[in-house]
Amino acid sequence: MEQRLVRLLSELTWRLEALGLVLGNTITLAMNQTDLADALGVTHISVCRTLKQLEAEGLLVPERGRILVQDVAALRAAAGTYPAYLGAQMDVAQVTGLTEATRRHALAVALVN
């Protein structure tokens, strides 16, 4: 399994959770396989193969243009990430109560940093 992809997906779950964008144990990522391959510098086929493995394990469902992470905790365990994984804790209070457009911007900034 492509561990870099698993870690990237796990890191995205931590960032989305810090922004209050996790519903229960489910996260929807608006990324497709090509986006992931480009971000990681791997082939589309490698990403596809890994996503199929993760889907078979019940961790996520790749859909057209997005990825539904069904078991956030299990994905994080597979990646070996933990709450302080990103170094500094992200301050959720700073993004609570913002407009949807502003939340999306805060998310984009968090994903880049």
N, C-alpha and C. Protein backbone atom coordinates (compact mmCIF):
# COMPACT_ATOMS: atom_id res chain seq x y z
N MET A 1 0.85 -1.18 0.00
CA MET A 1 0.00 0.00 0.00
C MET A 1 0.90 1.25 0.00
N GLU A 2 0.48 2.25 -0.71
CA GLU A 2 1.21 3.51 -0.80
C GLU A 2 1.01 4.29 0.49
N GLN A 3 2.01 4.21 1.39
CA GLN A 3 1.90 4.83 2.71
C GLN A 3 1.80 6.35 2.63
N ARG A 4 2.42 6.95 1.61
CA ARG A 4 2.33 8.41 1.49
C ARG A 4 0.90 8.86 1.29
N LEU A 5 0.13 8.11 0.51
CA LEU A 5 -1.27 8.46 0.29
C LEU A 5 -2.07 8.32 1.57
N VAL A 6 -1.85 7.26 2.31
CA VAL A 6 -2.56 7.03 3.56
C VAL A 6 -2.25 8.17 4.54
N ARG A 7 -0.99 8.57 4.62
CA ARG A 7 -0.63 9.67 5.53
C ARG A 7 -1.22 11.00 5.08
N LEU A 8 -1.24 11.26 3.78
CA LEU A 8 -1.85 12.50 3.29
C LEU A 8 -3.34 12.54 3.64
N LEU A 9 -4.03 11.46 3.37
CA LEU A 9 -5.46 11.42 3.69
C LEU A 9 -5.69 11.59 5.19
N SER A 10 -4.85 10.95 5.99
CA SER A 10 -4.97 11.08 7.44
C SER A 10 -4.71 12.52 7.87
N GLU A 11 -3.68 13.14 7.32
CA GLU A 11 -3.39 14.54 7.68
C GLU A 11 -4.56 15.44 7.32
N LEU A 12 -5.16 15.20 6.18
CA LEU A 12 -6.32 16.00 5.78
C LEU A 12 -7.48 15.82 6.78
N THR A 13 -7.64 14.61 7.32
CA THR A 13 -8.72 14.41 8.30
C THR A 13 -8.46 15.22 9.56
N TRP A 14 -7.19 15.30 10.00
CA TRP A 14 -6.87 16.10 11.19
C TRP A 14 -7.17 17.57 10.94
N ARG A 15 -6.78 18.05 9.78
CA ARG A 15 -6.98 19.47 9.46
C ARG A 15 -8.47 19.80 9.33
N LEU A 16 -9.22 18.91 8.70
CA LEU A 16 -10.66 19.13 8.56
C LEU A 16 -11.36 19.08 9.92
N GLU A 17 -10.93 18.18 10.77
CA GLU A 17 -11.51 18.09 12.11
C GLU A 17 -11.24 19.37 12.90
N ALA A 18 -10.03 19.90 12.79
CA ALA A 18 -9.69 21.13 13.50
C ALA A 18 -10.56 22.30 13.04
N LEU A 19 -11.03 22.23 11.81
CA LEU A 19 -11.89 23.28 11.27
C LEU A 19 -13.37 22.99 11.50
N GLY A 20 -13.66 21.89 12.18
CA GLY A 20 -15.05 21.55 12.47
C GLY A 20 -15.81 21.00 11.27
N LEU A 21 -15.09 20.39 10.34
CA LEU A 21 -15.72 19.89 9.12
C LEU A 21 -15.86 18.37 9.10
N VAL A 22 -15.86 17.75 10.28
CA VAL A 22 -16.05 16.31 10.39
C VAL A 22 -17.45 16.04 10.91
N LEU A 23 -18.18 15.19 10.24
CA LEU A 23 -19.52 14.80 10.68
C LEU A 23 -19.44 13.38 11.22
N GLY A 24 -19.46 13.25 12.53
CA GLY A 24 -19.34 11.92 13.14
C GLY A 24 -17.97 11.35 12.84
N ASN A 25 -17.93 10.25 12.15
CA ASN A 25 -16.67 9.59 11.80
C ASN A 25 -16.48 9.62 10.28
N THR A 26 -17.10 10.61 9.61
CA THR A 26 -17.08 10.66 8.16
C THR A 26 -16.60 12.02 7.66
N ILE A 27 -15.77 11.99 6.64
CA ILE A 27 -15.27 13.20 6.00
C ILE A 27 -15.37 13.02 4.49
N THR A 28 -15.78 14.08 3.81
CA THR A 28 -15.79 14.06 2.35
C THR A 28 -14.68 14.99 1.87
N LEU A 29 -13.77 14.45 1.07
CA LEU A 29 -12.68 15.23 0.50
C LEU A 29 -12.99 15.50 -0.96
N ALA A 30 -12.98 16.77 -1.34
CA ALA A 30 -13.26 17.14 -2.73
C ALA A 30 -11.98 17.06 -3.55
N MET A 31 -11.45 15.85 -3.64
CA MET A 31 -10.23 15.59 -4.41
C MET A 31 -10.46 14.35 -5.24
N ASN A 32 -9.90 14.34 -6.43
CA ASN A 32 -10.00 13.12 -7.22
C ASN A 32 -8.64 12.43 -7.25
N GLN A 33 -8.57 11.31 -7.92
CA GLN A 33 -7.34 10.51 -7.94
C GLN A 33 -6.19 11.25 -8.61
N THR A 34 -6.49 12.03 -9.62
CA THR A 34 -5.45 12.79 -10.30
C THR A 34 -4.87 13.86 -9.37
N ASP A 35 -5.73 14.53 -8.60
CA ASP A 35 -5.26 15.52 -7.62
C ASP A 35 -4.30 14.87 -6.63
N LEU A 36 -4.69 13.71 -6.12
CA LEU A 36 -3.85 13.01 -5.14
C LEU A 36 -2.52 12.58 -5.76
N ALA A 37 -2.57 12.05 -6.96
CA ALA A 37 -1.35 11.61 -7.64
C ALA A 37 -0.40 12.79 -7.85
N ASP A 38 -0.95 13.91 -8.29
CA ASP A 38 -0.13 15.11 -8.50
C ASP A 38 0.48 15.60 -7.20
N ALA A 39 -0.30 15.60 -6.13
CA ALA A 39 0.18 16.08 -4.83
C ALA A 39 1.31 15.22 -4.29
N LEU A 40 1.27 13.93 -4.59
CA LEU A 40 2.25 13.00 -4.05
C LEU A 40 3.39 12.67 -5.01
N GLY A 41 3.24 13.07 -6.27
CA GLY A 41 4.27 12.75 -7.25
C GLY A 41 4.31 11.28 -7.61
N VAL A 42 3.14 10.64 -7.60
CA VAL A 42 3.04 9.23 -7.97
C VAL A 42 2.08 9.11 -9.16
N THR A 43 1.97 7.92 -9.68
CA THR A 43 1.09 7.71 -10.83
C THR A 43 -0.36 7.59 -10.39
N HIS A 44 -1.23 7.91 -11.30
CA HIS A 44 -2.67 7.77 -11.08
C HIS A 44 -2.99 6.31 -10.75
N ILE A 45 -2.31 5.39 -11.40
CA ILE A 45 -2.55 3.95 -11.19
C ILE A 45 -2.19 3.55 -9.77
N SER A 46 -1.09 4.10 -9.24
CA SER A 46 -0.69 3.80 -7.86
C SER A 46 -1.76 4.29 -6.88
N VAL A 47 -2.27 5.49 -7.11
CA VAL A 47 -3.32 6.04 -6.25
C VAL A 47 -4.58 5.18 -6.35
N CYS A 48 -4.95 4.82 -7.56
CA CYS A 48 -6.15 4.00 -7.78
C CYS A 48 -6.03 2.67 -7.04
N ARG A 49 -4.89 2.03 -7.14
CA ARG A 49 -4.65 0.74 -6.48
C ARG A 49 -4.76 0.87 -4.96
N THR A 50 -4.16 1.92 -4.40
CA THR A 50 -4.21 2.13 -2.96
C THR A 50 -5.62 2.44 -2.49
N LEU A 51 -6.33 3.29 -3.24
CA LEU A 51 -7.71 3.61 -2.87
C LEU A 51 -8.59 2.36 -2.89
N LYS A 52 -8.36 1.48 -3.85
CA LYS A 52 -9.13 0.23 -3.90
C LYS A 52 -8.84 -0.65 -2.69
N GLN A 53 -7.57 -0.67 -2.25
CA GLN A 53 -7.22 -1.42 -1.04
C GLN A 53 -7.92 -0.84 0.18
N LEU A 54 -7.87 0.48 0.29
CA LEU A 54 -8.51 1.15 1.43
C LEU A 54 -10.02 0.96 1.40
N GLU A 55 -10.58 0.94 0.21
CA GLU A 55 -12.02 0.69 0.08
C GLU A 55 -12.36 -0.74 0.50
N ALA A 56 -11.54 -1.69 0.11
CA ALA A 56 -11.76 -3.09 0.49
C ALA A 56 -11.68 -3.28 2.00
N GLU A 57 -10.87 -2.45 2.66
CA GLU A 57 -10.73 -2.51 4.11
C GLU A 57 -11.84 -1.72 4.82
N GLY A 58 -12.71 -1.07 4.07
CA GLY A 58 -13.83 -0.33 4.64
C GLY A 58 -13.49 1.04 5.19
N LEU A 59 -12.32 1.58 4.79
CA LEU A 59 -11.89 2.86 5.32
C LEU A 59 -12.45 4.05 4.53
N LEU A 60 -12.64 3.87 3.23
CA LEU A 60 -13.12 4.98 2.42
C LEU A 60 -13.84 4.47 1.19
N VAL A 61 -14.53 5.40 0.54
CA VAL A 61 -15.22 5.09 -0.72
C VAL A 61 -14.82 6.18 -1.72
N PRO A 62 -14.04 5.79 -2.75
CA PRO A 62 -13.73 6.78 -3.78
C PRO A 62 -14.96 6.98 -4.67
N GLU A 63 -15.35 8.21 -4.85
CA GLU A 63 -16.48 8.54 -5.70
C GLU A 63 -16.00 9.50 -6.77
N ARG A 64 -16.83 9.76 -7.73
CA ARG A 64 -16.45 10.67 -8.82
C ARG A 64 -16.17 12.07 -8.27
N GLY A 65 -14.90 12.49 -8.34
CA GLY A 65 -14.52 13.83 -7.92
C GLY A 65 -14.37 14.04 -6.43
N ARG A 66 -14.53 12.98 -5.63
CA ARG A 66 -14.37 13.14 -4.18
C ARG A 66 -14.08 11.79 -3.55
N ILE A 67 -13.67 11.85 -2.29
CA ILE A 67 -13.38 10.64 -1.53
C ILE A 67 -14.13 10.73 -0.21
N LEU A 68 -14.91 9.73 0.09
CA LEU A 68 -15.66 9.68 1.35
C LEU A 68 -14.88 8.80 2.32
N VAL A 69 -14.31 9.41 3.36
CA VAL A 69 -13.59 8.66 4.38
C VAL A 69 -14.64 8.19 5.38
N GLN A 70 -14.87 6.88 5.43
CA GLN A 70 -15.93 6.32 6.27
C GLN A 70 -15.47 6.02 7.69
N ASP A 71 -14.22 5.65 7.85
CA ASP A 71 -13.71 5.32 9.18
C ASP A 71 -12.45 6.12 9.44
N VAL A 72 -12.64 7.32 9.93
CA VAL A 72 -11.52 8.25 10.17
C VAL A 72 -10.51 7.65 11.14
N ALA A 73 -10.99 7.07 12.23
CA ALA A 73 -10.09 6.52 13.25
C ALA A 73 -9.22 5.40 12.68
N ALA A 74 -9.80 4.53 11.89
CA ALA A 74 -9.04 3.42 11.31
C ALA A 74 -8.03 3.93 10.27
N LEU A 75 -8.41 4.95 9.51
CA LEU A 75 -7.47 5.53 8.54
C LEU A 75 -6.28 6.14 9.27
N ARG A 76 -6.56 6.86 10.35
CA ARG A 76 -5.48 7.46 11.13
C ARG A 76 -4.57 6.40 11.73
N ALA A 77 -5.17 5.31 12.20
CA ALA A 77 -4.37 4.21 12.76
C ALA A 77 -3.48 3.59 11.69
N ALA A 78 -4.03 3.41 10.50
CA ALA A 78 -3.26 2.84 9.39
C ALA A 78 -2.09 3.74 9.01
N ALA A 79 -2.28 5.05 9.16
CA ALA A 79 -1.23 6.02 8.82
C ALA A 79 -0.24 6.23 9.96
N GLY A 80 -0.66 5.86 11.17
CA GLY A 80 0.20 6.08 12.33
C GLY A 80 0.25 7.53 12.77
N THR A 81 -0.83 8.27 12.52
CA THR A 81 -0.87 9.67 12.93
C THR A 81 -1.63 9.80 14.25
N TYR A 82 -1.45 10.91 14.93
CA TYR A 82 -2.01 11.16 16.25
C TYR A 82 -2.31 12.65 16.36
N PRO A 83 -3.02 13.10 17.40
CA PRO A 83 -3.45 14.50 17.46
C PRO A 83 -2.35 15.54 17.26
N ALA A 84 -1.18 15.33 17.81
CA ALA A 84 -0.10 16.33 17.68
C ALA A 84 0.74 16.11 16.42
N TYR A 85 0.26 15.25 15.53
CA TYR A 85 1.00 14.90 14.32
C TYR A 85 1.41 16.13 13.51
N LEU A 86 0.56 17.14 13.45
CA LEU A 86 0.86 18.32 12.65
C LEU A 86 1.72 19.34 13.38
N GLY A 87 2.21 18.98 14.55
CA GLY A 87 3.04 19.91 15.30
C GLY A 87 2.18 20.76 16.21
N ALA A 88 1.94 21.99 15.83
CA ALA A 88 1.11 22.89 16.63
C ALA A 88 -0.35 22.52 16.45
N GLN A 89 -1.10 22.61 17.52
CA GLN A 89 -2.54 22.37 17.46
C GLN A 89 -3.21 23.52 16.72
N MET A 90 -4.14 23.20 15.83
CA MET A 90 -4.88 24.24 15.13
C MET A 90 -5.98 24.76 16.05
N ASP A 91 -6.23 26.04 16.05
CA ASP A 91 -7.21 26.66 16.92
C ASP A 91 -8.58 26.68 16.25
N VAL A 92 -9.44 25.76 16.66
CA VAL A 92 -10.78 25.64 16.08
C VAL A 92 -11.60 26.89 16.37
N ALA A 93 -11.40 27.52 17.51
CA ALA A 93 -12.20 28.69 17.89
C ALA A 93 -12.06 29.81 16.87
N GLN A 94 -10.94 29.87 16.19
CA GLN A 94 -10.73 30.93 15.22
C GLN A 94 -11.59 30.75 13.97
N VAL A 95 -12.07 29.55 13.70
CA VAL A 95 -12.86 29.33 12.49
C VAL A 95 -14.33 29.03 12.78
N THR A 96 -14.73 29.03 14.03
CA THR A 96 -16.12 28.78 14.39
C THR A 96 -16.96 30.01 14.11
N GLY A 97 -18.14 29.81 13.53
CA GLY A 97 -19.07 30.90 13.30
C GLY A 97 -18.78 31.74 12.06
N LEU A 98 -17.88 31.29 11.21
CA LEU A 98 -17.57 32.03 10.00
C LEU A 98 -18.55 31.68 8.89
N THR A 99 -18.63 32.52 7.88
CA THR A 99 -19.45 32.20 6.72
C THR A 99 -18.85 30.98 6.01
N GLU A 100 -19.64 30.33 5.21
CA GLU A 100 -19.16 29.13 4.50
C GLU A 100 -17.98 29.48 3.59
N ALA A 101 -18.05 30.60 2.90
CA ALA A 101 -16.95 31.01 2.01
C ALA A 101 -15.67 31.23 2.81
N THR A 102 -15.79 31.84 3.97
CA THR A 102 -14.62 32.09 4.80
C THR A 102 -14.07 30.79 5.37
N ARG A 103 -14.96 29.87 5.74
CA ARG A 103 -14.51 28.55 6.23
C ARG A 103 -13.74 27.83 5.14
N ARG A 104 -14.23 27.89 3.90
CA ARG A 104 -13.53 27.23 2.80
C ARG A 104 -12.16 27.85 2.59
N HIS A 105 -12.09 29.17 2.72
CA HIS A 105 -10.79 29.83 2.58
C HIS A 105 -9.86 29.39 3.71
N ALA A 106 -10.36 29.34 4.94
CA ALA A 106 -9.55 28.90 6.08
C ALA A 106 -9.07 27.47 5.86
N LEU A 107 -9.94 26.64 5.31
CA LEU A 107 -9.56 25.26 5.00
C LEU A 107 -8.45 25.23 3.97
N ALA A 108 -8.56 26.01 2.92
CA ALA A 108 -7.54 26.03 1.88
C ALA A 108 -6.20 26.47 2.46
N VAL A 109 -6.23 27.49 3.31
CA VAL A 109 -5.01 27.96 3.94
C VAL A 109 -4.42 26.88 4.83
N ALA A 110 -5.27 26.19 5.58
CA ALA A 110 -4.79 25.12 6.48
C ALA A 110 -4.18 23.99 5.69
N LEU A 111 -4.75 23.66 4.55
CA LEU A 111 -4.23 22.55 3.74
C LEU A 111 -2.90 22.90 3.12
N VAL A 112 -2.68 24.17 2.81
CA VAL A 112 -1.42 24.59 2.22
C VAL A 112 -0.33 24.65 3.27
N ASN A 113 -0.68 25.08 4.48
CA ASN A 113 0.32 25.23 5.55
C ASN A 113 0.48 23.97 6.26
